[in-house]
C-alpha atoms as a PDB file:
ATOM      1  CA  MET A   1       2.803   6.131 -13.008  1.00  0.00           C
ATOM      2  CA  ARG A   2       4.608   5.688  -9.840  1.00  0.00           C
ATOM      3  CA  LEU A   3       3.095   2.956  -7.697  1.00  0.00           C
ATOM      4  CA  TYR A   4       4.185   2.679  -3.997  1.00  0.00           C
ATOM      5  CA  MET A   5       3.349  -0.941  -2.773  1.00  0.00           C
ATOM      6  CA  VAL A   6       3.148  -0.977   0.982  1.00  0.00           C
ATOM      7  CA  ARG A   7       2.486  -3.838   3.449  1.00  0.00           C
ATOM      8  CA  HIS A   8       0.435  -2.802   6.248  1.00  0.00           C
ATOM      9  CA  ALA A   9       2.354  -2.152   9.647  1.00  0.00           C
ATOM     10  CA  GLU A  10       2.634  -4.486  12.446  1.00  0.00           C
ATOM     11  CA  ALA A  11      -0.907  -5.720  13.559  1.00  0.00           C
ATOM     12  CA  GLU A  12      -2.152  -7.572  16.651  1.00  0.00           C
ATOM     13  CA  PRO A  13      -2.917 -11.113  16.353  1.00  0.00           C
ATOM     14  CA  GLY A  14      -6.560 -12.442  16.722  1.00  0.00           C
ATOM     15  CA  ASP A  15      -9.896 -12.889  15.090  1.00  0.00           C
ATOM     16  CA  PRO A  16     -11.699 -11.761  13.331  1.00  0.00           C
ATOM     17  CA  ASP A  17      -8.994 -11.195  10.786  1.00  0.00           C
ATOM     18  CA  ASP A  18     -10.764  -8.141   9.218  1.00  0.00           C
ATOM     19  CA  LEU A  19     -10.751  -6.298  12.585  1.00  0.00           C
ATOM     20  CA  ARG A  20      -7.140  -6.731  13.636  1.00  0.00           C
ATOM     21  CA  GLN A  21      -5.764  -3.353  14.284  1.00  0.00           C
ATOM     22  CA  LEU A  22      -2.156  -1.991  14.396  1.00  0.00           C
ATOM     23  CA  THR A  23      -0.010  -2.487  17.426  1.00  0.00           C
ATOM     24  CA  PRO A  24       1.508   0.540  19.132  1.00  0.00           C
ATOM     25  CA  GLU A  25       4.752  -0.398  17.271  1.00  0.00           C
ATOM     26  CA  GLY A  26       2.704  -0.691  14.009  1.00  0.00           C
ATOM     27  CA  ARG A  27       1.153   2.878  14.466  1.00  0.00           C
ATOM     28  CA  ALA A  28       4.801   4.158  15.073  1.00  0.00           C
ATOM     29  CA  GLN A  29       6.025   2.273  11.949  1.00  0.00           C
ATOM     30  CA  ALA A  30       3.105   3.817   9.751  1.00  0.00           C
ATOM     31  CA  ARG A  31       3.832   7.240  10.883  1.00  0.00           C
ATOM     32  CA  ALA A  32       7.555   6.754  10.420  1.00  0.00           C
ATOM     33  CA  LEU A  33       7.032   5.634   6.790  1.00  0.00           C
ATOM     34  CA  GLY A  34       4.620   8.523   6.145  1.00  0.00           C
ATOM     35  CA  LYS A  35       7.237  10.992   7.436  1.00  0.00           C
ATOM     36  CA  ARG A  36       9.985   9.294   5.311  1.00  0.00           C
ATOM     37  CA  LEU A  37       7.932   9.507   2.152  1.00  0.00           C
ATOM     38  CA  ALA A  38       7.061  13.134   2.920  1.00  0.00           C
ATOM     39  CA  ALA A  39      10.693  14.037   3.462  1.00  0.00           C
ATOM     40  CA  ASP A  40      11.584  12.336   0.234  1.00  0.00           C
ATOM     41  CA  GLY A  41       9.152  14.672  -1.505  1.00  0.00           C
ATOM     42  CA  VAL A  42       6.455  12.121  -2.432  1.00  0.00           C
ATOM     43  CA  ARG A  43       3.332  13.808  -3.585  1.00  0.00           C
ATOM     44  CA  ALA A  44       0.707  11.122  -3.607  1.00  0.00           C
ATOM     45  CA  ASP A  45      -2.485  11.708  -5.700  1.00  0.00           C
ATOM     46  CA  ALA A  46      -4.162   8.727  -3.886  1.00  0.00           C
ATOM     47  CA  VAL A  47      -3.654   6.337  -1.143  1.00  0.00           C
ATOM     48  CA  LEU A  48      -5.650   3.146  -1.617  1.00  0.00           C
ATOM     49  CA  THR A  49      -6.008   0.456   1.021  1.00  0.00           C
ATOM     50  CA  SER A  50      -7.289  -2.983   1.668  1.00  0.00           C
ATOM     51  CA  PRO A  51     -10.672  -2.780   3.544  1.00  0.00           C
ATOM     52  CA  LEU A  52      -9.141  -4.507   6.389  1.00  0.00           C
ATOM     53  CA  LEU A  53      -8.732  -2.378   9.564  1.00  0.00           C
ATOM     54  CA  ARG A  54      -4.924  -2.769   9.846  1.00  0.00           C
ATOM     55  CA  ALA A  55      -4.406  -1.688   6.138  1.00  0.00           C
ATOM     56  CA  ARG A  56      -6.822   1.259   6.590  1.00  0.00           C
ATOM     57  CA  GLN A  57      -5.063   2.410   9.607  1.00  0.00           C
ATOM     58  CA  THR A  58      -1.715   2.210   7.872  1.00  0.00           C
ATOM     59  CA  GLY A  59      -3.051   4.121   4.833  1.00  0.00           C
ATOM     60  CA  GLU A  60      -4.702   6.801   7.023  1.00  0.00           C
ATOM     61  CA  ALA A  61      -1.219   7.405   8.671  1.00  0.00           C
ATOM     62  CA  LEU A  62       0.491   7.681   5.306  1.00  0.00           C
ATOM     63  CA  ALA A  63      -2.307   9.993   3.920  1.00  0.00           C
ATOM     64  CA  ASP A  64      -2.023  12.328   6.975  1.00  0.00           C
ATOM     65  CA  ALA A  65       1.708  12.550   6.550  1.00  0.00           C
ATOM     66  CA  LEU A  66       1.327  13.352   2.758  1.00  0.00           C
ATOM     67  CA  SER A  67      -1.843  15.585   3.050  1.00  0.00           C
ATOM     68  CA  CYS A  68      -4.077  13.466   0.826  1.00  0.00           C
ATOM     69  CA  ALA A  69      -6.997  11.217   1.312  1.00  0.00           C
ATOM     70  CA  SER A  70      -7.085   7.430   1.990  1.00  0.00           C
ATOM     71  CA  GLU A  71      -9.624   5.245   0.400  1.00  0.00           C
ATOM     72  CA  PRO A  72     -10.509   1.504   1.022  1.00  0.00           C
ATOM     73  CA  SER A  73     -10.824  -0.701  -2.092  1.00  0.00           C
ATOM     74  CA  ASP A  74     -12.265  -4.168  -2.018  1.00  0.00           C
ATOM     75  CA  ALA A  75      -9.911  -4.969  -4.929  1.00  0.00           C
ATOM     76  CA  LEU A  76      -7.038  -4.831  -2.375  1.00  0.00           C
ATOM     77  CA  ALA A  77      -8.403  -7.335   0.074  1.00  0.00           C
ATOM     78  CA  PRO A  78      -6.203 -10.359   1.069  1.00  0.00           C
ATOM     79  CA  GLY A  79      -5.850 -12.352  -2.287  1.00  0.00           C
ATOM     80  CA  ALA A  80      -5.363  -9.248  -4.444  1.00  0.00           C
ATOM     81  CA  THR A  81      -3.648  -9.695  -7.782  1.00  0.00           C
ATOM     82  CA  ALA A  82      -1.457  -7.603  -9.922  1.00  0.00           C
ATOM     83  CA  GLU A  83      -4.324  -7.030 -12.404  1.00  0.00           C
ATOM     84  CA  ALA A  84      -6.581  -6.006  -9.407  1.00  0.00           C
ATOM     85  CA  VAL A  85      -3.981  -3.399  -8.414  1.00  0.00           C
ATOM     86  CA  ARG A  86      -3.405  -2.135 -11.912  1.00  0.00           C
ATOM     87  CA  SER A  87      -7.285  -1.695 -12.276  1.00  0.00           C
ATOM     88  CA  ALA A  88      -7.636  -0.103  -8.980  1.00  0.00           C
ATOM     89  CA  VAL A  89      -4.894   2.708  -9.582  1.00  0.00           C
ATOM     90  CA  GLU A  90      -6.080   3.376 -13.179  1.00  0.00           C
ATOM     91  CA  GLY A  91      -6.888   6.989 -13.464  1.00  0.00           C
ATOM     92  CA  ARG A  92      -5.896   7.905 -10.025  1.00  0.00           C
ATOM     93  CA  GLY A  93      -3.020  10.148 -10.917  1.00  0.00           C
ATOM     94  CA  GLU A  94       0.870   9.969 -11.328  1.00  0.00           C
ATOM     95  CA  THR A  95       1.651   8.714  -7.782  1.00  0.00           C
ATOM     96  CA  VAL A  96      -0.471   6.189  -6.095  1.00  0.00           C
ATOM     97  CA  ILE A  97       0.230   4.312  -2.672  1.00  0.00           C
ATOM     98  CA  VAL A  98      -1.416   0.905  -2.282  1.00  0.00           C
ATOM     99  CA  VAL A  99      -1.589  -0.631   1.142  1.00  0.00           C
ATOM    100  CA  GLY A 100      -2.056  -4.428   1.127  1.00  0.00           C
ATOM    101  CA  HIS A 101      -1.159  -7.657   2.742  1.00  0.00           C
ATOM    102  CA  GLN A 102       1.587 -10.391   2.311  1.00  0.00           C
ATOM    103  CA  PRO A 103       2.079 -12.634   0.425  1.00  0.00           C
ATOM    104  CA  ASP A 104       0.139 -10.463  -1.945  1.00  0.00           C
ATOM    105  CA  CYS A 105       2.537  -7.279  -1.968  1.00  0.00           C
ATOM    106  CA  GLY A 106       5.501  -9.444  -2.870  1.00  0.00           C
ATOM    107  CA  ARG A 107       3.996 -11.223  -5.537  1.00  0.00           C
ATOM    108  CA  ILE A 108       2.261  -8.141  -6.985  1.00  0.00           C
ATOM    109  CA  ALA A 109       5.496  -6.195  -6.822  1.00  0.00           C
ATOM    110  CA  ALA A 110       7.345  -9.035  -8.731  1.00  0.00           C
ATOM    111  CA  GLU A 111       4.915  -9.261 -11.450  1.00  0.00           C
ATOM    112  CA  LEU A 112       4.377  -5.474 -12.015  1.00  0.00           C
ATOM    113  CA  GLY A 113       8.123  -4.725 -11.497  1.00  0.00           C
ATOM    114  CA  ASP A 114       9.252  -7.588 -13.719  1.00  0.00           C
ATOM    115  CA  GLY A 115      11.705  -8.753 -11.149  1.00  0.00           C
ATOM    116  CA  ASP A 116      12.216 -10.940  -8.083  1.00  0.00           C
ATOM    117  CA  GLU A 117       9.748 -11.004  -5.304  1.00  0.00           C
ATOM    118  CA  PRO A 118      11.125  -8.410  -2.702  1.00  0.00           C
ATOM    119  CA  PRO A 119      11.050  -8.977   1.028  1.00  0.00           C
ATOM    120  CA  PHE A 120       7.824  -7.295   2.736  1.00  0.00           C
ATOM    121  CA  PRO A 121       8.239  -6.892   6.380  1.00  0.00           C
ATOM    122  CA  PRO A 122       5.413  -4.978   8.147  1.00  0.00           C
ATOM    123  CA  ALA A 123       5.501  -1.230   6.783  1.00  0.00           C
ATOM    124  CA  GLY A 124       7.731  -2.556   3.970  1.00  0.00           C
ATOM    125  CA  ILE A 125       7.610  -0.719   0.598  1.00  0.00           C
ATOM    126  CA  ALA A 126       8.418  -1.224  -3.165  1.00  0.00           C
ATOM    127  CA  VAL A 127       8.401   1.531  -5.652  1.00  0.00           C
ATOM    128  CA  ILE A 128       7.200   0.366  -9.107  1.00  0.00           C
ATOM    129  CA  ARG A 129       6.971   2.266 -12.274  1.00  0.00           C
ATOM    130  CA  LEU A 130       3.960   1.371 -14.323  1.00  0.00           C
ATOM    131  CA  PRO A 131       3.661   2.367 -17.949  1.00  0.00           C
ATOM    132  CA  ALA A 132       0.853   4.753 -18.749  1.00  0.00           C
ATOM    133  CA  SER A 133      -2.505   3.136 -19.781  1.00  0.00           C
ATOM    134  CA  GLY A 134      -2.445   1.997 -23.389  1.00  0.00           C
ATOM    135  CA  THR A 135       1.276   1.532 -23.700  1.00  0.00           C
ATOM    136  CA  SER A 136       3.354  -1.504 -23.398  1.00  0.00           C
END
């Protein structure tokens, strides 16, 4: 499976945290990332997002560009773990995009990718190859 780990695009500050939405720049970042993935030939089987508004908005922009559906998952809320991501993407297809938060994205990418923690600016992305279920 190919996992695209994405940090949500630039969001407005404020409270409550779960209702922070993307800034105009963040909406542009999300659209640009979606266009880039589409131009690169990415065919996502699923786009899963944190339930927080800014992640859902980012996921919707990606899903629109890739002609697939976006679905929120409580497992991807702030504090998500590599195991939660692995479980959420299980059985979702060969190419799955997950939209989450920092510092979770960096830690998850490092753990699942067996490498160093990559930088994750808003709308940042890491591509991780996960072994098929039941293999090591």
